[in-house]
Amino acid sequence: MKIVECLSENINRFIEGAIQHEDNMARLAILRQIKEAVDHPSICKLKAAAKLARRLEYHPDLHKSLTRAAHKQTQLF
């Protein structure tokens, strides 16, 4: 669980910064959905968040980090 928690902290830090600087309401709503998935992780939520992150095209590492978190979450079960 430590790896997923560490990834969550990094992702949350990035998303919180992006939310503060985002002025497009649609993108802001997507960022909040991603944050919700990270705050209350499940495999399905993290995979969906990874797809949303890819659509936003903020940072390629955000999509990779969310995908990695979903994979690590899968390994825990």
PDB file of N, CA and C in Angstrom:
ATOM      1  N   MET A   1       0.828  -1.198   0.000  1.00  0.00           N
ATOM      2  CA  MET A   1       0.000   0.000   0.000  1.00  0.00           C
ATOM      3  C   MET A   1       0.872   1.261   0.000  1.00  0.00           C
ATOM      4  N   LYS A   2       2.083   1.167   0.495  1.00  0.00           N
ATOM      5  CA  LYS A   2       2.965   2.335   0.582  1.00  0.00           C
ATOM      6  C   LYS A   2       3.233   2.942  -0.797  1.00  0.00           C
ATOM      7  N   ILE A   3       3.435   2.075  -1.814  1.00  0.00           N
ATOM      8  CA  ILE A   3       3.736   2.581  -3.149  1.00  0.00           C
ATOM      9  C   ILE A   3       2.563   3.383  -3.688  1.00  0.00           C
ATOM     10  N   VAL A   4       1.362   2.848  -3.520  1.00  0.00           N
ATOM     11  CA  VAL A   4       0.167   3.548  -3.994  1.00  0.00           C
ATOM     12  C   VAL A   4      -0.001   4.865  -3.254  1.00  0.00           C
ATOM     13  N   GLU A   5       0.249   4.870  -1.950  1.00  0.00           N
ATOM     14  CA  GLU A   5       0.136   6.104  -1.170  1.00  0.00           C
ATOM     15  C   GLU A   5       1.149   7.140  -1.642  1.00  0.00           C
ATOM     16  N   CYS A   6       2.369   6.703  -1.939  1.00  0.00           N
ATOM     17  CA  CYS A   6       3.413   7.616  -2.411  1.00  0.00           C
ATOM     18  C   CYS A   6       3.016   8.210  -3.764  1.00  0.00           C
ATOM     19  N   LEU A   7       2.525   7.365  -4.673  1.00  0.00           N
ATOM     20  CA  LEU A   7       2.070   7.860  -5.968  1.00  0.00           C
ATOM     21  C   LEU A   7       0.920   8.843  -5.786  1.00  0.00           C
ATOM     22  N   SER A   8       0.011   8.529  -4.872  1.00  0.00           N
ATOM     23  CA  SER A   8      -1.141   9.396  -4.621  1.00  0.00           C
ATOM     24  C   SER A   8      -0.699  10.771  -4.153  1.00  0.00           C
ATOM     25  N   GLU A   9       0.295  10.814  -3.280  1.00  0.00           N
ATOM     26  CA  GLU A   9       0.790  12.102  -2.787  1.00  0.00           C
ATOM     27  C   GLU A   9       1.351  12.939  -3.928  1.00  0.00           C
ATOM     28  N   ASN A  10       2.143  12.316  -4.796  1.00  0.00           N
ATOM     29  CA  ASN A  10       2.732  13.041  -5.923  1.00  0.00           C
ATOM     30  C   ASN A  10       1.659  13.525  -6.889  1.00  0.00           C
ATOM     31  N   ILE A  11       0.699  12.664  -7.181  1.00  0.00           N
ATOM     32  CA  ILE A  11      -0.374  13.028  -8.099  1.00  0.00           C
ATOM     33  C   ILE A  11      -1.213  14.148  -7.497  1.00  0.00           C
ATOM     34  N   ASN A  12      -1.548  14.028  -6.215  1.00  0.00           N
ATOM     35  CA  ASN A  12      -2.360  15.050  -5.551  1.00  0.00           C
ATOM     36  C   ASN A  12      -1.679  16.409  -5.574  1.00  0.00           C
ATOM     37  N   ARG A  13      -0.379  16.426  -5.326  1.00  0.00           N
ATOM     38  CA  ARG A  13       0.360  17.682  -5.346  1.00  0.00           C
ATOM     39  C   ARG A  13       0.245  18.351  -6.717  1.00  0.00           C
ATOM     40  N   PHE A  14       0.425  17.553  -7.755  1.00  0.00           N
ATOM     41  CA  PHE A  14       0.337  18.087  -9.113  1.00  0.00           C
ATOM     42  C   PHE A  14      -1.073  18.598  -9.409  1.00  0.00           C
ATOM     43  N   ILE A  15      -2.086  17.799  -9.060  1.00  0.00           N
ATOM     44  CA  ILE A  15      -3.471  18.162  -9.367  1.00  0.00           C
ATOM     45  C   ILE A  15      -3.896  19.407  -8.604  1.00  0.00           C
ATOM     46  N   GLU A  16      -3.520  19.508  -7.344  1.00  0.00           N
ATOM     47  CA  GLU A  16      -3.888  20.689  -6.559  1.00  0.00           C
ATOM     48  C   GLU A  16      -3.308  21.957  -7.177  1.00  0.00           C
ATOM     49  N   GLY A  17      -2.080  21.877  -7.653  1.00  0.00           N
ATOM     50  CA  GLY A  17      -1.472  23.021  -8.331  1.00  0.00           C
ATOM     51  C   GLY A  17      -2.194  23.361  -9.623  1.00  0.00           C
ATOM     52  N   ALA A  18      -2.568  22.330 -10.372  1.00  0.00           N
ATOM     53  CA  ALA A  18      -3.275  22.545 -11.637  1.00  0.00           C
ATOM     54  C   ALA A  18      -4.659  23.140 -11.399  1.00  0.00           C
ATOM     55  N   ILE A  19      -5.347  22.676 -10.356  1.00  0.00           N
ATOM     56  CA  ILE A  19      -6.684  23.193 -10.041  1.00  0.00           C
ATOM     57  C   ILE A  19      -6.617  24.685  -9.720  1.00  0.00           C
ATOM     58  N   GLN A  20      -5.589  25.098  -9.007  1.00  0.00           N
ATOM     59  CA  GLN A  20      -5.456  26.510  -8.629  1.00  0.00           C
ATOM     60  C   GLN A  20      -5.268  27.415  -9.844  1.00  0.00           C
ATOM     61  N   HIS A  21      -4.632  26.891 -10.903  1.00  0.00           N
ATOM     62  CA  HIS A  21      -4.312  27.726 -12.059  1.00  0.00           C
ATOM     63  C   HIS A  21      -5.255  27.520 -13.236  1.00  0.00           C
ATOM     64  N   GLU A  22      -6.201  26.615 -13.111  1.00  0.00           N
ATOM     65  CA  GLU A  22      -7.106  26.315 -14.232  1.00  0.00           C
ATOM     66  C   GLU A  22      -8.291  27.267 -14.232  1.00  0.00           C
ATOM     67  N   ASP A  23      -8.583  27.831 -15.398  1.00  0.00           N
ATOM     68  CA  ASP A  23      -9.739  28.721 -15.493  1.00  0.00           C
ATOM     69  C   ASP A  23     -10.842  28.148 -16.389  1.00  0.00           C
ATOM     70  N   ASN A  24     -10.576  27.064 -17.082  1.00  0.00           N
ATOM     71  CA  ASN A  24     -11.575  26.400 -17.911  1.00  0.00           C
ATOM     72  C   ASN A  24     -12.396  25.471 -17.018  1.00  0.00           C
ATOM     73  N   MET A  25     -13.693  25.712 -16.936  1.00  0.00           N
ATOM     74  CA  MET A  25     -14.551  24.962 -16.007  1.00  0.00           C
ATOM     75  C   MET A  25     -14.630  23.474 -16.351  1.00  0.00           C
ATOM     76  N   ALA A  26     -14.627  23.130 -17.631  1.00  0.00           N
ATOM     77  CA  ALA A  26     -14.697  21.718 -18.019  1.00  0.00           C
ATOM     78  C   ALA A  26     -13.432  20.983 -17.581  1.00  0.00           C
ATOM     79  N   ARG A  27     -12.283  21.591 -17.818  1.00  0.00           N
ATOM     80  CA  ARG A  27     -11.017  20.970 -17.405  1.00  0.00           C
ATOM     81  C   ARG A  27     -10.923  20.907 -15.884  1.00  0.00           C
ATOM     82  N   LEU A  28     -11.450  21.910 -15.222  1.00  0.00           N
ATOM     83  CA  LEU A  28     -11.457  21.929 -13.761  1.00  0.00           C
ATOM     84  C   LEU A  28     -12.297  20.772 -13.216  1.00  0.00           C
ATOM     85  N   ALA A  29     -13.430  20.506 -13.829  1.00  0.00           N
ATOM     86  CA  ALA A  29     -14.283  19.392 -13.404  1.00  0.00           C
ATOM     87  C   ALA A  29     -13.565  18.057 -13.590  1.00  0.00           C
ATOM     88  N   ILE A  30     -12.840  17.916 -14.691  1.00  0.00           N
ATOM     89  CA  ILE A  30     -12.088  16.681 -14.940  1.00  0.00           C
ATOM     90  C   ILE A  30     -10.981  16.523 -13.908  1.00  0.00           C
ATOM     91  N   LEU A  31     -10.285  17.607 -13.592  1.00  0.00           N
ATOM     92  CA  LEU A  31      -9.233  17.544 -12.574  1.00  0.00           C
ATOM     93  C   LEU A  31      -9.802  17.119 -11.224  1.00  0.00           C
ATOM     94  N   ARG A  32     -10.977  17.616 -10.901  1.00  0.00           N
ATOM     95  CA  ARG A  32     -11.603  17.237  -9.628  1.00  0.00           C
ATOM     96  C   ARG A  32     -11.992  15.762  -9.624  1.00  0.00           C
ATOM     97  N   GLN A  33     -12.421  15.234 -10.775  1.00  0.00           N
ATOM     98  CA  GLN A  33     -12.733  13.805 -10.868  1.00  0.00           C
ATOM     99  C   GLN A  33     -11.474  12.970 -10.651  1.00  0.00           C
ATOM    100  N   ILE A  34     -10.372  13.412 -11.228  1.00  0.00           N
ATOM    101  CA  ILE A  34      -9.106  12.695 -11.055  1.00  0.00           C
ATOM    102  C   ILE A  34      -8.692  12.741  -9.589  1.00  0.00           C
ATOM    103  N   LYS A  35      -8.828  13.902  -8.970  1.00  0.00           N
ATOM    104  CA  LYS A  35      -8.465  14.039  -7.553  1.00  0.00           C
ATOM    105  C   LYS A  35      -9.317  13.110  -6.690  1.00  0.00           C
ATOM    106  N   GLU A  36     -10.600  13.008  -6.977  1.00  0.00           N
ATOM    107  CA  GLU A  36     -11.493  12.113  -6.232  1.00  0.00           C
ATOM    108  C   GLU A  36     -11.036  10.657  -6.369  1.00  0.00           C
ATOM    109  N   ALA A  37     -10.628  10.274  -7.568  1.00  0.00           N
ATOM    110  CA  ALA A  37     -10.163   8.902  -7.796  1.00  0.00           C
ATOM    111  C   ALA A  37      -8.893   8.611  -7.012  1.00  0.00           C
ATOM    112  N   VAL A  38      -8.032   9.604  -6.899  1.00  0.00           N
ATOM    113  CA  VAL A  38      -6.779   9.422  -6.163  1.00  0.00           C
ATOM    114  C   VAL A  38      -7.029   9.423  -4.658  1.00  0.00           C
ATOM    115  N   ASP A  39      -7.950  10.267  -4.212  1.00  0.00           N
ATOM    116  CA  ASP A  39      -8.253  10.337  -2.780  1.00  0.00           C
ATOM    117  C   ASP A  39      -8.936   9.072  -2.276  1.00  0.00           C
ATOM    118  N   HIS A  40      -9.752   8.454  -3.111  1.00  0.00           N
ATOM    119  CA  HIS A  40     -10.486   7.232  -2.740  1.00  0.00           C
ATOM    120  C   HIS A  40     -10.219   6.180  -3.812  1.00  0.00           C
ATOM    121  N   PRO A  41      -8.999   5.617  -3.819  1.00  0.00           N
ATOM    122  CA  PRO A  41      -8.586   4.776  -4.942  1.00  0.00           C
ATOM    123  C   PRO A  41      -9.300   3.427  -5.008  1.00  0.00           C
ATOM    124  N   SER A  42      -9.611   3.069  -6.209  1.00  0.00           N
ATOM    125  CA  SER A  42     -10.039   1.723  -6.560  1.00  0.00           C
ATOM    126  C   SER A  42      -9.471   1.485  -7.953  1.00  0.00           C
ATOM    127  N   ILE A  43      -9.395   0.252  -8.353  1.00  0.00           N
ATOM    128  CA  ILE A  43      -8.801  -0.054  -9.651  1.00  0.00           C
ATOM    129  C   ILE A  43      -9.572   0.648 -10.770  1.00  0.00           C
ATOM    130  N   CYS A  44     -10.888   0.554 -10.733  1.00  0.00           N
ATOM    131  CA  CYS A  44     -11.724   1.159 -11.787  1.00  0.00           C
ATOM    132  C   CYS A  44     -11.581   2.677 -11.819  1.00  0.00           C
ATOM    133  N   LYS A  45     -11.606   3.296 -10.646  1.00  0.00           N
ATOM    134  CA  LYS A  45     -11.499   4.759 -10.583  1.00  0.00           C
ATOM    135  C   LYS A  45     -10.147   5.232 -11.101  1.00  0.00           C
ATOM    136  N   LEU A  46      -9.080   4.520 -10.737  1.00  0.00           N
ATOM    137  CA  LEU A  46      -7.747   4.932 -11.171  1.00  0.00           C
ATOM    138  C   LEU A  46      -7.573   4.764 -12.676  1.00  0.00           C
ATOM    139  N   LYS A  47      -8.119   3.681 -13.230  1.00  0.00           N
ATOM    140  CA  LYS A  47      -8.034   3.491 -14.681  1.00  0.00           C
ATOM    141  C   LYS A  47      -8.818   4.575 -15.415  1.00  0.00           C
ATOM    142  N   ALA A  48      -9.994   4.904 -14.902  1.00  0.00           N
ATOM    143  CA  ALA A  48     -10.797   5.966 -15.515  1.00  0.00           C
ATOM    144  C   ALA A  48     -10.078   7.308 -15.413  1.00  0.00           C
ATOM    145  N   ALA A  49      -9.449   7.557 -14.272  1.00  0.00           N
ATOM    146  CA  ALA A  49      -8.702   8.802 -14.079  1.00  0.00           C
ATOM    147  C   ALA A  49      -7.524   8.880 -15.046  1.00  0.00           C
ATOM    148  N   ALA A  50      -6.874   7.751 -15.301  1.00  0.00           N
ATOM    149  CA  ALA A  50      -5.758   7.730 -16.251  1.00  0.00           C
ATOM    150  C   ALA A  50      -6.242   8.113 -17.649  1.00  0.00           C
ATOM    151  N   LYS A  51      -7.414   7.617 -18.031  1.00  0.00           N
ATOM    152  CA  LYS A  51      -7.969   7.976 -19.344  1.00  0.00           C
ATOM    153  C   LYS A  51      -8.305   9.466 -19.402  1.00  0.00           C
ATOM    154  N   LEU A  52      -8.865   9.983 -18.317  1.00  0.00           N
ATOM    155  CA  LEU A  52      -9.176  11.418 -18.267  1.00  0.00           C
ATOM    156  C   LEU A  52      -7.902  12.252 -18.357  1.00  0.00           C
ATOM    157  N   ALA A  53      -6.862  11.815 -17.659  1.00  0.00           N
ATOM    158  CA  ALA A  53      -5.591  12.550 -17.670  1.00  0.00           C
ATOM    159  C   ALA A  53      -4.997  12.568 -19.071  1.00  0.00           C
ATOM    160  N   ARG A  54      -5.120  11.463 -19.778  1.00  0.00           N
ATOM    161  CA  ARG A  54      -4.602  11.418 -21.145  1.00  0.00           C
ATOM    162  C   ARG A  54      -5.362  12.418 -22.020  1.00  0.00           C
ATOM    163  N   ARG A  55      -6.670  12.524 -21.799  1.00  0.00           N
ATOM    164  CA  ARG A  55      -7.487  13.463 -22.560  1.00  0.00           C
ATOM    165  C   ARG A  55      -7.112  14.910 -22.264  1.00  0.00           C
ATOM    166  N   LEU A  56      -6.769  15.199 -21.014  1.00  0.00           N
ATOM    167  CA  LEU A  56      -6.400  16.567 -20.638  1.00  0.00           C
ATOM    168  C   LEU A  56      -5.077  16.995 -21.243  1.00  0.00           C
ATOM    169  N   GLU A  57      -4.177  16.047 -21.432  1.00  0.00           N
ATOM    170  CA  GLU A  57      -2.844  16.308 -21.982  1.00  0.00           C
ATOM    171  C   GLU A  57      -2.078  17.353 -21.180  1.00  0.00           C
ATOM    172  N   TYR A  58      -2.239  17.331 -19.855  1.00  0.00           N
ATOM    173  CA  TYR A  58      -1.467  18.245 -19.006  1.00  0.00           C
ATOM    174  C   TYR A  58       0.003  17.870 -19.005  1.00  0.00           C
ATOM    175  N   HIS A  59       0.226  16.651 -18.633  1.00  0.00           N
ATOM    176  CA  HIS A  59       1.587  16.194 -18.435  1.00  0.00           C
ATOM    177  C   HIS A  59       1.595  14.694 -18.679  1.00  0.00           C
ATOM    178  N   PRO A  60       2.471  14.195 -19.534  1.00  0.00           N
ATOM    179  CA  PRO A  60       2.457  12.754 -19.820  1.00  0.00           C
ATOM    180  C   PRO A  60       2.701  11.900 -18.577  1.00  0.00           C
ATOM    181  N   ASP A  61       3.420  12.432 -17.611  1.00  0.00           N
ATOM    182  CA  ASP A  61       3.702  11.655 -16.407  1.00  0.00           C
ATOM    183  C   ASP A  61       2.468  11.462 -15.534  1.00  0.00           C
ATOM    184  N   LEU A  62       1.483  12.348 -15.625  1.00  0.00           N
ATOM    185  CA  LEU A  62       0.257  12.197 -14.840  1.00  0.00           C
ATOM    186  C   LEU A  62      -0.479  10.938 -15.283  1.00  0.00           C
ATOM    187  N   HIS A  63      -0.611  10.746 -16.588  1.00  0.00           N
ATOM    188  CA  HIS A  63      -1.264   9.539 -17.109  1.00  0.00           C
ATOM    189  C   HIS A  63      -0.484   8.301 -16.687  1.00  0.00           C
ATOM    190  N   LYS A  64       0.833   8.348 -16.818  1.00  0.00           N
ATOM    191  CA  LYS A  64       1.667   7.201 -16.447  1.00  0.00           C
ATOM    192  C   LYS A  64       1.564   6.899 -14.955  1.00  0.00           C
ATOM    193  N   SER A  65       1.564   7.923 -14.134  1.00  0.00           N
ATOM    194  CA  SER A  65       1.481   7.720 -12.685  1.00  0.00           C
ATOM    195  C   SER A  65       0.148   7.108 -12.282  1.00  0.00           C
ATOM    196  N   LEU A  66      -0.930   7.571 -12.886  1.00  0.00           N
ATOM    197  CA  LEU A  66      -2.248   7.016 -12.576  1.00  0.00           C
ATOM    198  C   LEU A  66      -2.353   5.565 -13.041  1.00  0.00           C
ATOM    199  N   THR A  67      -1.796   5.274 -14.212  1.00  0.00           N
ATOM    200  CA  THR A  67      -1.802   3.899 -14.713  1.00  0.00           C
ATOM    201  C   THR A  67      -0.983   3.005 -13.796  1.00  0.00           C
ATOM    202  N   ARG A  68       0.163   3.501 -13.351  1.00  0.00           N
ATOM    203  CA  ARG A  68       1.019   2.742 -12.440  1.00  0.00           C
ATOM    204  C   ARG A  68       0.306   2.503 -11.108  1.00  0.00           C
ATOM    205  N   ALA A  69      -0.390   3.511 -10.611  1.00  0.00           N
ATOM    206  CA  ALA A  69      -1.126   3.362  -9.353  1.00  0.00           C
ATOM    207  C   ALA A  69      -2.225   2.312  -9.490  1.00  0.00           C
ATOM    208  N   ALA A  70      -2.920   2.307 -10.627  1.00  0.00           N
ATOM    209  CA  ALA A  70      -3.962   1.297 -10.859  1.00  0.00           C
ATOM    210  C   ALA A  70      -3.347  -0.092 -10.901  1.00  0.00           C
ATOM    211  N   HIS A  71      -2.185  -0.210 -11.541  1.00  0.00           N
ATOM    212  CA  HIS A  71      -1.504  -1.504 -11.621  1.00  0.00           C
ATOM    213  C   HIS A  71      -1.070  -1.978 -10.235  1.00  0.00           C
ATOM    214  N   LYS A  72      -0.522  -1.075  -9.444  1.00  0.00           N
ATOM    215  CA  LYS A  72      -0.094  -1.437  -8.085  1.00  0.00           C
ATOM    216  C   LYS A  72      -1.298  -1.823  -7.230  1.00  0.00           C
ATOM    217  N   GLN A  73      -2.407  -1.113  -7.413  1.00  0.00           N
ATOM    218  CA  GLN A  73      -3.626  -1.424  -6.669  1.00  0.00           C
ATOM    219  C   GLN A  73      -4.098  -2.837  -7.035  1.00  0.00           C
ATOM    220  N   THR A  74      -3.968  -3.203  -8.312  1.00  0.00           N
ATOM    221  CA  THR A  74      -4.355  -4.537  -8.771  1.00  0.00           C
ATOM    222  C   THR A  74      -3.495  -5.597  -8.100  1.00  0.00           C
ATOM    223  N   GLN A  75      -2.211  -5.329  -7.950  1.00  0.00           N
ATOM    224  CA  GLN A  75      -1.293  -6.297  -7.350  1.00  0.00           C
ATOM    225  C   GLN A  75      -1.579  -6.529  -5.878  1.00  0.00           C
ATOM    226  N   LEU A  76      -2.233  -5.574  -5.226  1.00  0.00           N
ATOM    227  CA  LEU A  76      -2.532  -5.723  -3.805  1.00  0.00           C
ATOM    228  C   LEU A  76      -3.615  -6.762  -3.565  1.00  0.00           C
ATOM    229  N   PHE A  77      -4.428  -7.013  -4.596  1.00  0.00           N
ATOM    230  CA  PHE A  77      -5.525  -7.962  -4.431  1.00  0.00           C
ATOM    231  C   PHE A  77      -5.085  -9.300  -4.834  1.00  0.00           C
TER     232      PHE A  77
END
